[in-house]
Amino acid sequence: MEFTKVAKTSEVPAGKMKMVKVDEIEVLIANIGGKHYAIGNRCTHAGGSLSEGSLKDNIVTCPKHGSKFDVTSGKAVQGPKIAFFKLKTKDERVFEIKVEGTDILVRSA
């Protein structure tokens, strides 16, 4: 397993996120306070694209049904909001990430 260059640091400024592909897997890169994190981009509930959701502090909210994930750990912190049902959501996969100069690299699966 090797690291793959996926973006430049200028493409993911603090408080922002970006979807990249690593070995055909969609990965969400988020910059929280100047530190970069990488988790799976597809919501574990219904496959929504987390990169199209919203990021507040270290929590990304899926645009489809509102599931929330901590981008620093991949942990599901809230399941989807569907009527009166409370559904569980699995944690997101976490990817090892590093920054070399202005390059963001993610470890291949």
PDB file of N, CA and C in Angstrom:
ATOM      1  N   MET A   1       0.845  -1.170   0.000  1.00  0.00           N
ATOM      2  CA  MET A   1       0.000   0.000   0.000  1.00  0.00           C
ATOM      3  C   MET A   1       0.896   1.240   0.000  1.00  0.00           C
ATOM      4  N   GLU A   2       0.654   2.082  -0.977  1.00  0.00           N
ATOM      5  CA  GLU A   2       1.460   3.288  -1.123  1.00  0.00           C
ATOM      6  C   GLU A   2       0.578   4.518  -1.016  1.00  0.00           C
ATOM      7  N   PHE A   3       1.226   5.645  -0.825  1.00  0.00           N
ATOM      8  CA  PHE A   3       0.506   6.914  -0.811  1.00  0.00           C
ATOM      9  C   PHE A   3       0.347   7.424  -2.233  1.00  0.00           C
ATOM     10  N   THR A   4      -0.821   8.013  -2.512  1.00  0.00           N
ATOM     11  CA  THR A   4      -1.124   8.578  -3.818  1.00  0.00           C
ATOM     12  C   THR A   4      -1.408  10.062  -3.657  1.00  0.00           C
ATOM     13  N   LYS A   5      -0.794  10.888  -4.495  1.00  0.00           N
ATOM     14  CA  LYS A   5      -1.063  12.325  -4.469  1.00  0.00           C
ATOM     15  C   LYS A   5      -2.481  12.541  -4.997  1.00  0.00           C
ATOM     16  N   VAL A   6      -3.303  13.263  -4.208  1.00  0.00           N
ATOM     17  CA  VAL A   6      -4.700  13.446  -4.596  1.00  0.00           C
ATOM     18  C   VAL A   6      -5.097  14.905  -4.780  1.00  0.00           C
ATOM     19  N   ALA A   7      -4.347  15.832  -4.177  1.00  0.00           N
ATOM     20  CA  ALA A   7      -4.714  17.250  -4.279  1.00  0.00           C
ATOM     21  C   ALA A   7      -3.567  18.118  -3.779  1.00  0.00           C
ATOM     22  N   LYS A   8      -3.724  19.398  -3.987  1.00  0.00           N
ATOM     23  CA  LYS A   8      -2.821  20.413  -3.433  1.00  0.00           C
ATOM     24  C   LYS A   8      -3.496  20.997  -2.198  1.00  0.00           C
ATOM     25  N   THR A   9      -2.717  21.435  -1.237  1.00  0.00           N
ATOM     26  CA  THR A   9      -3.289  22.010  -0.021  1.00  0.00           C
ATOM     27  C   THR A   9      -4.153  23.228  -0.338  1.00  0.00           C
ATOM     28  N   SER A  10      -3.817  23.963  -1.397  1.00  0.00           N
ATOM     29  CA  SER A  10      -4.607  25.143  -1.773  1.00  0.00           C
ATOM     30  C   SER A  10      -6.016  24.774  -2.239  1.00  0.00           C
ATOM     31  N   GLU A  11      -6.236  23.514  -2.627  1.00  0.00           N
ATOM     32  CA  GLU A  11      -7.549  23.057  -3.086  1.00  0.00           C
ATOM     33  C   GLU A  11      -8.485  22.736  -1.922  1.00  0.00           C
ATOM     34  N   VAL A  12      -7.918  22.597  -0.714  1.00  0.00           N
ATOM     35  CA  VAL A  12      -8.718  22.243   0.456  1.00  0.00           C
ATOM     36  C   VAL A  12      -8.322  23.179   1.607  1.00  0.00           C
ATOM     37  N   PRO A  13      -8.755  24.449   1.532  1.00  0.00           N
ATOM     38  CA  PRO A  13      -8.415  25.388   2.605  1.00  0.00           C
ATOM     39  C   PRO A  13      -9.153  25.045   3.906  1.00  0.00           C
ATOM     40  N   ALA A  14      -8.740  25.651   5.000  1.00  0.00           N
ATOM     41  CA  ALA A  14      -9.342  25.393   6.315  1.00  0.00           C
ATOM     42  C   ALA A  14     -10.860  25.561   6.271  1.00  0.00           C
ATOM     43  N   GLY A  15     -11.565  24.585   6.849  1.00  0.00           N
ATOM     44  CA  GLY A  15     -13.019  24.627   6.900  1.00  0.00           C
ATOM     45  C   GLY A  15     -13.701  24.142   5.632  1.00  0.00           C
ATOM     46  N   LYS A  16     -12.926  23.604   4.697  1.00  0.00           N
ATOM     47  CA  LYS A  16     -13.484  23.133   3.411  1.00  0.00           C
ATOM     48  C   LYS A  16     -13.202  21.657   3.227  1.00  0.00           C
ATOM     49  N   MET A  17     -13.839  21.071   2.218  1.00  0.00           N
ATOM     50  CA  MET A  17     -13.652  19.659   1.902  1.00  0.00           C
ATOM     51  C   MET A  17     -13.705  19.447   0.401  1.00  0.00           C
ATOM     52  N   LYS A  18     -13.195  18.298  -0.022  1.00  0.00           N
ATOM     53  CA  LYS A  18     -13.116  17.974  -1.451  1.00  0.00           C
ATOM     54  C   LYS A  18     -13.160  16.463  -1.614  1.00  0.00           C
ATOM     55  N   MET A  19     -13.855  16.008  -2.663  1.00  0.00           N
ATOM     56  CA  MET A  19     -13.881  14.587  -2.982  1.00  0.00           C
ATOM     57  C   MET A  19     -12.751  14.292  -3.964  1.00  0.00           C
ATOM     58  N   VAL A  20     -12.015  13.205  -3.688  1.00  0.00           N
ATOM     59  CA  VAL A  20     -10.959  12.737  -4.584  1.00  0.00           C
ATOM     60  C   VAL A  20     -11.152  11.239  -4.767  1.00  0.00           C
ATOM     61  N   LYS A  21     -10.439  10.657  -5.722  1.00  0.00           N
ATOM     62  CA  LYS A  21     -10.507   9.203  -5.909  1.00  0.00           C
ATOM     63  C   LYS A  21      -9.137   8.598  -5.660  1.00  0.00           C
ATOM     64  N   VAL A  22      -9.157   7.489  -4.915  1.00  0.00           N
ATOM     65  CA  VAL A  22      -7.955   6.716  -4.651  1.00  0.00           C
ATOM     66  C   VAL A  22      -8.289   5.276  -5.020  1.00  0.00           C
ATOM     67  N   ASP A  23      -7.625   4.754  -6.044  1.00  0.00           N
ATOM     68  CA  ASP A  23      -7.928   3.394  -6.522  1.00  0.00           C
ATOM     69  C   ASP A  23      -9.422   3.217  -6.781  1.00  0.00           C
ATOM     70  N   GLU A  24     -10.045   4.190  -7.434  1.00  0.00           N
ATOM     71  CA  GLU A  24     -11.475   4.165  -7.781  1.00  0.00           C
ATOM     72  C   GLU A  24     -12.403   4.275  -6.579  1.00  0.00           C
ATOM     73  N   ILE A  25     -11.865   4.526  -5.395  1.00  0.00           N
ATOM     74  CA  ILE A  25     -12.681   4.708  -4.185  1.00  0.00           C
ATOM     75  C   ILE A  25     -12.816   6.199  -3.928  1.00  0.00           C
ATOM     76  N   GLU A  26     -14.056   6.658  -3.713  1.00  0.00           N
ATOM     77  CA  GLU A  26     -14.276   8.066  -3.402  1.00  0.00           C
ATOM     78  C   GLU A  26     -13.885   8.343  -1.952  1.00  0.00           C
ATOM     79  N   VAL A  27     -13.028   9.348  -1.794  1.00  0.00           N
ATOM     80  CA  VAL A  27     -12.518   9.724  -0.479  1.00  0.00           C
ATOM     81  C   VAL A  27     -12.811  11.201  -0.257  1.00  0.00           C
ATOM     82  N   LEU A  28     -13.255  11.535   0.941  1.00  0.00           N
ATOM     83  CA  LEU A  28     -13.513  12.920   1.308  1.00  0.00           C
ATOM     84  C   LEU A  28     -12.299  13.443   2.072  1.00  0.00           C
ATOM     85  N   ILE A  29     -11.697  14.524   1.558  1.00  0.00           N
ATOM     86  CA  ILE A  29     -10.602  15.200   2.242  1.00  0.00           C
ATOM     87  C   ILE A  29     -11.205  16.439   2.902  1.00  0.00           C
ATOM     88  N   ALA A  30     -10.932  16.623   4.190  1.00  0.00           N
ATOM     89  CA  ALA A  30     -11.424  17.799   4.920  1.00  0.00           C
ATOM     90  C   ALA A  30     -10.258  18.460   5.636  1.00  0.00           C
ATOM     91  N   ASN A  31     -10.287  19.786   5.682  1.00  0.00           N
ATOM     92  CA  ASN A  31      -9.267  20.554   6.383  1.00  0.00           C
ATOM     93  C   ASN A  31      -9.921  21.165   7.616  1.00  0.00           C
ATOM     94  N   ILE A  32      -9.521  20.676   8.780  1.00  0.00           N
ATOM     95  CA  ILE A  32     -10.057  21.166  10.044  1.00  0.00           C
ATOM     96  C   ILE A  32      -8.925  21.873  10.786  1.00  0.00           C
ATOM     97  N   GLY A  33      -9.021  23.187  10.869  1.00  0.00           N
ATOM     98  CA  GLY A  33      -8.011  23.960  11.584  1.00  0.00           C
ATOM     99  C   GLY A  33      -6.606  23.812  11.045  1.00  0.00           C
ATOM    100  N   GLY A  34      -6.492  23.594   9.737  1.00  0.00           N
ATOM    101  CA  GLY A  34      -5.176  23.462   9.122  1.00  0.00           C
ATOM    102  C   GLY A  34      -4.642  22.043   9.064  1.00  0.00           C
ATOM    103  N   LYS A  35      -5.386  21.075   9.608  1.00  0.00           N
ATOM    104  CA  LYS A  35      -4.985  19.668   9.544  1.00  0.00           C
ATOM    105  C   LYS A  35      -5.949  18.929   8.625  1.00  0.00           C
ATOM    106  N   HIS A  36      -5.392  18.077   7.773  1.00  0.00           N
ATOM    107  CA  HIS A  36      -6.201  17.359   6.798  1.00  0.00           C
ATOM    108  C   HIS A  36      -6.572  15.956   7.295  1.00  0.00           C
ATOM    109  N   TYR A  37      -7.802  15.554   6.962  1.00  0.00           N
ATOM    110  CA  TYR A  37      -8.333  14.248   7.325  1.00  0.00           C
ATOM    111  C   TYR A  37      -8.964  13.624   6.088  1.00  0.00           C
ATOM    112  N   ALA A  38      -9.038  12.280   6.063  1.00  0.00           N
ATOM    113  CA  ALA A  38      -9.623  11.578   4.924  1.00  0.00           C
ATOM    114  C   ALA A  38     -10.526  10.453   5.410  1.00  0.00           C
ATOM    115  N   ILE A  39     -11.790  10.483   4.957  1.00  0.00           N
ATOM    116  CA  ILE A  39     -12.755   9.418   5.261  1.00  0.00           C
ATOM    117  C   ILE A  39     -13.467   9.055   3.961  1.00  0.00           C
ATOM    118  N   GLY A  40     -14.239   7.974   3.993  1.00  0.00           N
ATOM    119  CA  GLY A  40     -15.033   7.598   2.833  1.00  0.00           C
ATOM    120  C   GLY A  40     -16.000   8.716   2.467  1.00  0.00           C
ATOM    121  N   ASN A  41     -16.245   8.900   1.187  1.00  0.00           N
ATOM    122  CA  ASN A  41     -17.125   9.983   0.725  1.00  0.00           C
ATOM    123  C   ASN A  41     -18.583   9.567   0.630  1.00  0.00           C
ATOM    124  N   ARG A  42     -18.860   8.281   0.525  1.00  0.00           N
ATOM    125  CA  ARG A  42     -20.241   7.807   0.363  1.00  0.00           C
ATOM    126  C   ARG A  42     -20.855   7.486   1.712  1.00  0.00           C
ATOM    127  N   CYS A  43     -21.970   8.146   2.037  1.00  0.00           N
ATOM    128  CA  CYS A  43     -22.658   7.929   3.303  1.00  0.00           C
ATOM    129  C   CYS A  43     -22.964   6.446   3.477  1.00  0.00           C
ATOM    130  N   THR A  44     -22.706   5.943   4.663  1.00  0.00           N
ATOM    131  CA  THR A  44     -22.931   4.522   4.936  1.00  0.00           C
ATOM    132  C   THR A  44     -24.414   4.184   5.078  1.00  0.00           C
ATOM    133  N   HIS A  45     -25.270   5.196   5.127  1.00  0.00           N
ATOM    134  CA  HIS A  45     -26.709   4.947   5.219  1.00  0.00           C
ATOM    135  C   HIS A  45     -27.304   4.668   3.847  1.00  0.00           C
ATOM    136  N   ALA A  46     -27.203   5.639   2.917  1.00  0.00           N
ATOM    137  CA  ALA A  46     -27.841   5.464   1.610  1.00  0.00           C
ATOM    138  C   ALA A  46     -26.966   5.920   0.452  1.00  0.00           C
ATOM    139  N   GLY A  47     -25.661   6.061   0.694  1.00  0.00           N
ATOM    140  CA  GLY A  47     -24.737   6.346  -0.395  1.00  0.00           C
ATOM    141  C   GLY A  47     -24.659   7.780  -0.857  1.00  0.00           C
ATOM    142  N   GLY A  48     -25.209   8.715  -0.105  1.00  0.00           N
ATOM    143  CA  GLY A  48     -25.113  10.123  -0.483  1.00  0.00           C
ATOM    144  C   GLY A  48     -23.668  10.587  -0.515  1.00  0.00           C
ATOM    145  N   SER A  49     -23.381  11.559  -1.354  1.00  0.00           N
ATOM    146  CA  SER A  49     -22.032  12.093  -1.484  1.00  0.00           C
ATOM    147  C   SER A  49     -21.785  13.119  -0.378  1.00  0.00           C
ATOM    148  N   LEU A  50     -20.939  12.761   0.589  1.00  0.00           N
ATOM    149  CA  LEU A  50     -20.672  13.655   1.704  1.00  0.00           C
ATOM    150  C   LEU A  50     -20.038  14.970   1.250  1.00  0.00           C
ATOM    151  N   SER A  51     -19.285  14.943   0.165  1.00  0.00           N
ATOM    152  CA  SER A  51     -18.649  16.166  -0.336  1.00  0.00           C
ATOM    153  C   SER A  51     -19.679  17.190  -0.802  1.00  0.00           C
ATOM    154  N   GLU A  52     -20.908  16.753  -1.043  1.00  0.00           N
ATOM    155  CA  GLU A  52     -21.985  17.661  -1.437  1.00  0.00           C
ATOM    156  C   GLU A  52     -22.787  18.130  -0.225  1.00  0.00           C
ATOM    157  N   GLY A  53     -22.409  17.641   0.952  1.00  0.00           N
ATOM    158  CA  GLY A  53     -23.080  18.022   2.185  1.00  0.00           C
ATOM    159  C   GLY A  53     -22.454  19.266   2.785  1.00  0.00           C
ATOM    160  N   SER A  54     -22.689  19.464   4.072  1.00  0.00           N
ATOM    161  CA  SER A  54     -22.150  20.652   4.734  1.00  0.00           C
ATOM    162  C   SER A  54     -21.154  20.232   5.814  1.00  0.00           C
ATOM    163  N   LEU A  55     -20.169  21.093   6.032  1.00  0.00           N
ATOM    164  CA  LEU A  55     -19.143  20.861   7.042  1.00  0.00           C
ATOM    165  C   LEU A  55     -19.220  21.978   8.072  1.00  0.00           C
ATOM    166  N   LYS A  56     -19.421  21.593   9.328  1.00  0.00           N
ATOM    167  CA  LYS A  56     -19.436  22.559  10.426  1.00  0.00           C
ATOM    168  C   LYS A  56     -18.503  22.018  11.491  1.00  0.00           C
ATOM    169  N   ASP A  57     -17.473  22.801  11.798  1.00  0.00           N
ATOM    170  CA  ASP A  57     -16.411  22.341  12.688  1.00  0.00           C
ATOM    171  C   ASP A  57     -15.840  21.050  12.095  1.00  0.00           C
ATOM    172  N   ASN A  58     -15.920  19.932  12.811  1.00  0.00           N
ATOM    173  CA  ASN A  58     -15.375  18.673  12.295  1.00  0.00           C
ATOM    174  C   ASN A  58     -16.479  17.681  11.906  1.00  0.00           C
ATOM    175  N   ILE A  59     -17.713  18.160  11.756  1.00  0.00           N
ATOM    176  CA  ILE A  59     -18.852  17.294  11.438  1.00  0.00           C
ATOM    177  C   ILE A  59     -19.356  17.574  10.024  1.00  0.00           C
ATOM    178  N   VAL A  60     -19.401  16.513   9.216  1.00  0.00           N
ATOM    179  CA  VAL A  60     -19.972  16.617   7.876  1.00  0.00           C
ATOM    180  C   VAL A  60     -21.366  16.002   7.916  1.00  0.00           C
ATOM    181  N   THR A  61     -22.323  16.695   7.272  1.00  0.00           N
ATOM    182  CA  THR A  61     -23.709  16.239   7.229  1.00  0.00           C
ATOM    183  C   THR A  61     -24.053  15.804   5.814  1.00  0.00           C
ATOM    184  N   CYS A  62     -24.555  14.596   5.686  1.00  0.00           N
ATOM    185  CA  CYS A  62     -24.943  14.063   4.379  1.00  0.00           C
ATOM    186  C   CYS A  62     -26.139  14.848   3.836  1.00  0.00           C
ATOM    187  N   PRO A  63     -26.092  15.239   2.566  1.00  0.00           N
ATOM    188  CA  PRO A  63     -27.190  16.006   1.989  1.00  0.00           C
ATOM    189  C   PRO A  63     -28.457  15.183   1.750  1.00  0.00           C
ATOM    190  N   LYS A  64     -28.349  13.859   1.768  1.00  0.00           N
ATOM    191  CA  LYS A  64     -29.499  13.013   1.453  1.00  0.00           C
ATOM    192  C   LYS A  64     -30.493  12.906   2.611  1.00  0.00           C
ATOM    193  N   HIS A  65     -30.050  12.409   3.765  1.00  0.00           N
ATOM    194  CA  HIS A  65     -30.959  12.205   4.900  1.00  0.00           C
ATOM    195  C   HIS A  65     -30.429  12.756   6.212  1.00  0.00           C
ATOM    196  N   GLY A  66     -29.320  13.501   6.171  1.00  0.00           N
ATOM    197  CA  GLY A  66     -28.842  14.182   7.372  1.00  0.00           C
ATOM    198  C   GLY A  66     -27.955  13.400   8.317  1.00  0.00           C
ATOM    199  N   SER A  67     -27.471  12.222   7.907  1.00  0.00           N
ATOM    200  CA  SER A  67     -26.522  11.510   8.764  1.00  0.00           C
ATOM    201  C   SER A  67     -25.298  12.393   8.965  1.00  0.00           C
ATOM    202  N   LYS A  68     -24.680  12.287  10.150  1.00  0.00           N
ATOM    203  CA  LYS A  68     -23.530  13.135  10.470  1.00  0.00           C
ATOM    204  C   LYS A  68     -22.336  12.278  10.854  1.00  0.00           C
ATOM    205  N   PHE A  69     -21.163  12.709  10.383  1.00  0.00           N
ATOM    206  CA  PHE A  69     -19.933  11.976  10.632  1.00  0.00           C
ATOM    207  C   PHE A  69     -18.846  12.935  11.098  1.00  0.00           C
ATOM    208  N   ASP A  70     -18.022  12.460  12.022  1.00  0.00           N
ATOM    209  CA  ASP A  70     -16.860  13.216  12.481  1.00  0.00           C
ATOM    210  C   ASP A  70     -15.726  12.925  11.496  1.00  0.00           C
ATOM    211  N   VAL A  71     -15.276  13.938  10.773  1.00  0.00           N
ATOM    212  CA  VAL A  71     -14.242  13.721   9.752  1.00  0.00           C
ATOM    213  C   VAL A  71     -12.882  13.408  10.371  1.00  0.00           C
ATOM    214  N   THR A  72     -12.700  13.685  11.652  1.00  0.00           N
ATOM    215  CA  THR A  72     -11.416  13.400  12.281  1.00  0.00           C
ATOM    216  C   THR A  72     -11.278  11.930  12.692  1.00  0.00           C
ATOM    217  N   SER A  73     -12.416  11.238  12.809  1.00  0.00           N
ATOM    218  CA  SER A  73     -12.380   9.844  13.266  1.00  0.00           C
ATOM    219  C   SER A  73     -13.194   8.887  12.392  1.00  0.00           C
ATOM    220  N   GLY A  74     -14.053   9.421  11.528  1.00  0.00           N
ATOM    221  CA  GLY A  74     -14.940   8.586  10.717  1.00  0.00           C
ATOM    222  C   GLY A  74     -16.174   8.112  11.460  1.00  0.00           C
ATOM    223  N   LYS A  75     -16.289   8.435  12.741  1.00  0.00           N
ATOM    224  CA  LYS A  75     -17.409   7.961  13.563  1.00  0.00           C
ATOM    225  C   LYS A  75     -18.729   8.598  13.136  1.00  0.00           C
ATOM    226  N   ALA A  76     -19.772   7.767  13.053  1.00  0.00           N
ATOM    227  CA  ALA A  76     -21.123   8.261  12.806  1.00  0.00           C
ATOM    228  C   ALA A  76     -21.621   8.868  14.110  1.00  0.00           C
ATOM    229  N   VAL A  77     -21.955  10.146  14.099  1.00  0.00           N
ATOM    230  CA  VAL A  77     -22.413  10.801  15.325  1.00  0.00           C
ATOM    231  C   VAL A  77     -23.922  10.994  15.351  1.00  0.00           C
ATOM    232  N   GLN A  78     -24.566  10.823  14.195  1.00  0.00           N
ATOM    233  CA  GLN A  78     -26.029  10.898  14.127  1.00  0.00           C
ATOM    234  C   GLN A  78     -26.501  10.142  12.895  1.00  0.00           C
ATOM    235  N   GLY A  79     -27.521   9.344  13.068  1.00  0.00           N
ATOM    236  CA  GLY A  79     -28.101   8.615  11.950  1.00  0.00           C
ATOM    237  C   GLY A  79     -29.005   9.507  11.129  1.00  0.00           C
ATOM    238  N   PRO A  80     -29.593   8.963  10.084  1.00  0.00           N
ATOM    239  CA  PRO A  80     -30.442   9.749   9.194  1.00  0.00           C
ATOM    240  C   PRO A  80     -31.730  10.220   9.872  1.00  0.00           C
ATOM    241  N   LYS A  81     -32.245  11.329   9.360  1.00  0.00           N
ATOM    242  CA  LYS A  81     -33.521  11.850   9.848  1.00  0.00           C
ATOM    243  C   LYS A  81     -34.589  11.507   8.817  1.00  0.00           C
ATOM    244  N   ILE A  82     -35.359  10.471   9.120  1.00  0.00           N
ATOM    245  CA  ILE A  82     -36.436  10.036   8.230  1.00  0.00           C
ATOM    246  C   ILE A  82     -37.690   9.885   9.071  1.00  0.00           C
ATOM    247  N   ALA A  83     -38.608  10.829   8.902  1.00  0.00           N
ATOM    248  CA  ALA A  83     -39.857  10.841   9.677  1.00  0.00           C
ATOM    249  C   ALA A  83     -39.557  10.701  11.166  1.00  0.00           C
ATOM    250  N   PHE A  84     -40.187   9.730  11.818  1.00  0.00           N
ATOM    251  CA  PHE A  84     -40.002   9.534  13.257  1.00  0.00           C
ATOM    252  C   PHE A  84     -39.016   8.410  13.572  1.00  0.00           C
ATOM    253  N   PHE A  85     -38.392   7.872  12.546  1.00  0.00           N
ATOM    254  CA  PHE A  85     -37.505   6.729  12.730  1.00  0.00           C
ATOM    255  C   PHE A  85     -36.095   7.178  13.111  1.00  0.00           C
ATOM    256  N   LYS A  86     -35.496   6.453  14.032  1.00  0.00           N
ATOM    257  CA  LYS A  86     -34.093   6.657  14.379  1.00  0.00           C
ATOM    258  C   LYS A  86     -33.334   5.447  13.875  1.00  0.00           C
ATOM    259  N   LEU A  87     -32.548   5.658  12.846  1.00  0.00           N
ATOM    260  CA  LEU A  87     -31.801   4.562  12.241  1.00  0.00           C
ATOM    261  C   LEU A  87     -30.325   4.693  12.596  1.00  0.00           C
ATOM    262  N   LYS A  88     -29.673   3.571  12.731  1.00  0.00           N
ATOM    263  CA  LYS A  88     -28.238   3.576  12.998  1.00  0.00           C
ATOM    264  C   LYS A  88     -27.485   3.671  11.680  1.00  0.00           C
ATOM    265  N   THR A  89     -26.342   4.293  11.752  1.00  0.00           N
ATOM    266  CA  THR A  89     -25.474   4.440  10.586  1.00  0.00           C
ATOM    267  C   THR A  89     -24.096   3.925  10.966  1.00  0.00           C
ATOM    268  N   LYS A  90     -23.464   3.186  10.058  1.00  0.00           N
ATOM    269  CA  LYS A  90     -22.117   2.673  10.307  1.00  0.00           C
ATOM    270  C   LYS A  90     -21.107   3.807  10.188  1.00  0.00           C
ATOM    271  N   ASP A  91     -19.976   3.628  10.867  1.00  0.00           N
ATOM    272  CA  ASP A  91     -18.881   4.592  10.764  1.00  0.00           C
ATOM    273  C   ASP A  91     -18.317   4.594   9.352  1.00  0.00           C
ATOM    274  N   GLU A  92     -17.692   5.701   8.981  1.00  0.00           N
ATOM    275  CA  GLU A  92     -17.008   5.820   7.698  1.00  0.00           C
ATOM    276  C   GLU A  92     -15.608   5.221   7.794  1.00  0.00           C
ATOM    277  N   ARG A  93     -15.154   4.713   6.698  1.00  0.00           N
ATOM    278  CA  ARG A  93     -13.781   4.224   6.618  1.00  0.00           C
ATOM    279  C   ARG A  93     -12.834   5.419   6.728  1.00  0.00           C
ATOM    280  N   VAL A  94     -11.738   5.246   7.451  1.00  0.00           N
ATOM    281  CA  VAL A  94     -10.740   6.291   7.619  1.00  0.00           C
ATOM    282  C   VAL A  94      -9.520   5.928   6.784  1.00  0.00           C
ATOM    283  N   PHE A  95      -8.988   6.913   6.089  1.00  0.00           N
ATOM    284  CA  PHE A  95      -7.805   6.708   5.261  1.00  0.00           C
ATOM    285  C   PHE A  95      -6.623   7.456   5.859  1.00  0.00           C
ATOM    286  N   GLU A  96      -5.457   6.841   5.799  1.00  0.00           N
ATOM    287  CA  GLU A  96      -4.244   7.507   6.267  1.00  0.00           C
ATOM    288  C   GLU A  96      -3.891   8.606   5.273  1.00  0.00           C
ATOM    289  N   ILE A  97      -3.542   9.767   5.803  1.00  0.00           N
ATOM    290  CA  ILE A  97      -3.285  10.935   4.960  1.00  0.00           C
ATOM    291  C   ILE A  97      -2.004  11.615   5.444  1.00  0.00           C
ATOM    292  N   LYS A  98      -1.295  12.226   4.531  1.00  0.00           N
ATOM    293  CA  LYS A  98      -0.136  13.026   4.924  1.00  0.00           C
ATOM    294  C   LYS A  98       0.029  14.161   3.928  1.00  0.00           C
ATOM    295  N   VAL A  99       0.703  15.205   4.386  1.00  0.00           N
ATOM    296  CA  VAL A  99       0.967  16.372   3.553  1.00  0.00           C
ATOM    297  C   VAL A  99       2.470  16.486   3.399  1.00  0.00           C
ATOM    298  N   GLU A 100       2.912  16.569   2.155  1.00  0.00           N
ATOM    299  CA  GLU A 100       4.330  16.773   1.848  1.00  0.00           C
ATOM    300  C   GLU A 100       4.437  18.061   1.047  1.00  0.00           C
ATOM    301  N   GLY A 101       4.978  19.094   1.679  1.00  0.00           N
ATOM    302  CA  GLY A 101       5.028  20.399   1.018  1.00  0.00           C
ATOM    303  C   GLY A 101       3.618  20.898   0.806  1.00  0.00           C
ATOM    304  N   THR A 102       3.223  21.051  -0.473  1.00  0.00           N
ATOM    305  CA  THR A 102       1.862  21.491  -0.789  1.00  0.00           C
ATOM    306  C   THR A 102       1.010  20.348  -1.359  1.00  0.00           C
ATOM    307  N   ASP A 103       1.533  19.116  -1.297  1.00  0.00           N
ATOM    308  CA  ASP A 103       0.815  17.947  -1.821  1.00  0.00           C
ATOM    309  C   ASP A 103       0.099  17.198  -0.704  1.00  0.00           C
ATOM    310  N   ILE A 104      -1.163  16.817  -0.978  1.00  0.00           N
ATOM    311  CA  ILE A 104      -1.924  15.964  -0.060  1.00  0.00           C
ATOM    312  C   ILE A 104      -1.885  14.565  -0.624  1.00  0.00           C
ATOM    313  N   LEU A 105      -1.467  13.613   0.204  1.00  0.00           N
ATOM    314  CA  LEU A 105      -1.366  12.214  -0.217  1.00  0.00           C
ATOM    315  C   LEU A 105      -2.223  11.328   0.676  1.00  0.00           C
ATOM    316  N   VAL A 106      -2.847  10.318   0.072  1.00  0.00           N
ATOM    317  CA  VAL A 106      -3.690   9.365   0.804  1.00  0.00           C
ATOM    318  C   VAL A 106      -3.162   7.967   0.526  1.00  0.00           C
ATOM    319  N   ARG A 107      -3.127   7.137   1.566  1.00  0.00           N
ATOM    320  CA  ARG A 107      -2.647   5.767   1.398  1.00  0.00           C
ATOM    321  C   ARG A 107      -3.665   4.956   0.601  1.00  0.00           C
ATOM    322  N   SER A 108      -3.175   4.268  -0.406  1.00  0.00           N
ATOM    323  CA  SER A 108      -4.019   3.424  -1.244  1.00  0.00           C
ATOM    324  C   SER A 108      -4.591   2.273  -0.437  1.00  0.00           C
ATOM    325  N   ALA A 109      -5.754   1.817  -0.872  1.00  0.00           N
ATOM    326  CA  ALA A 109      -6.429   0.706  -0.177  1.00  0.00           C
ATOM    327  C   ALA A 109      -5.768  -0.619  -0.476  1.00  0.00           C
TER     328      ALA A 109
END
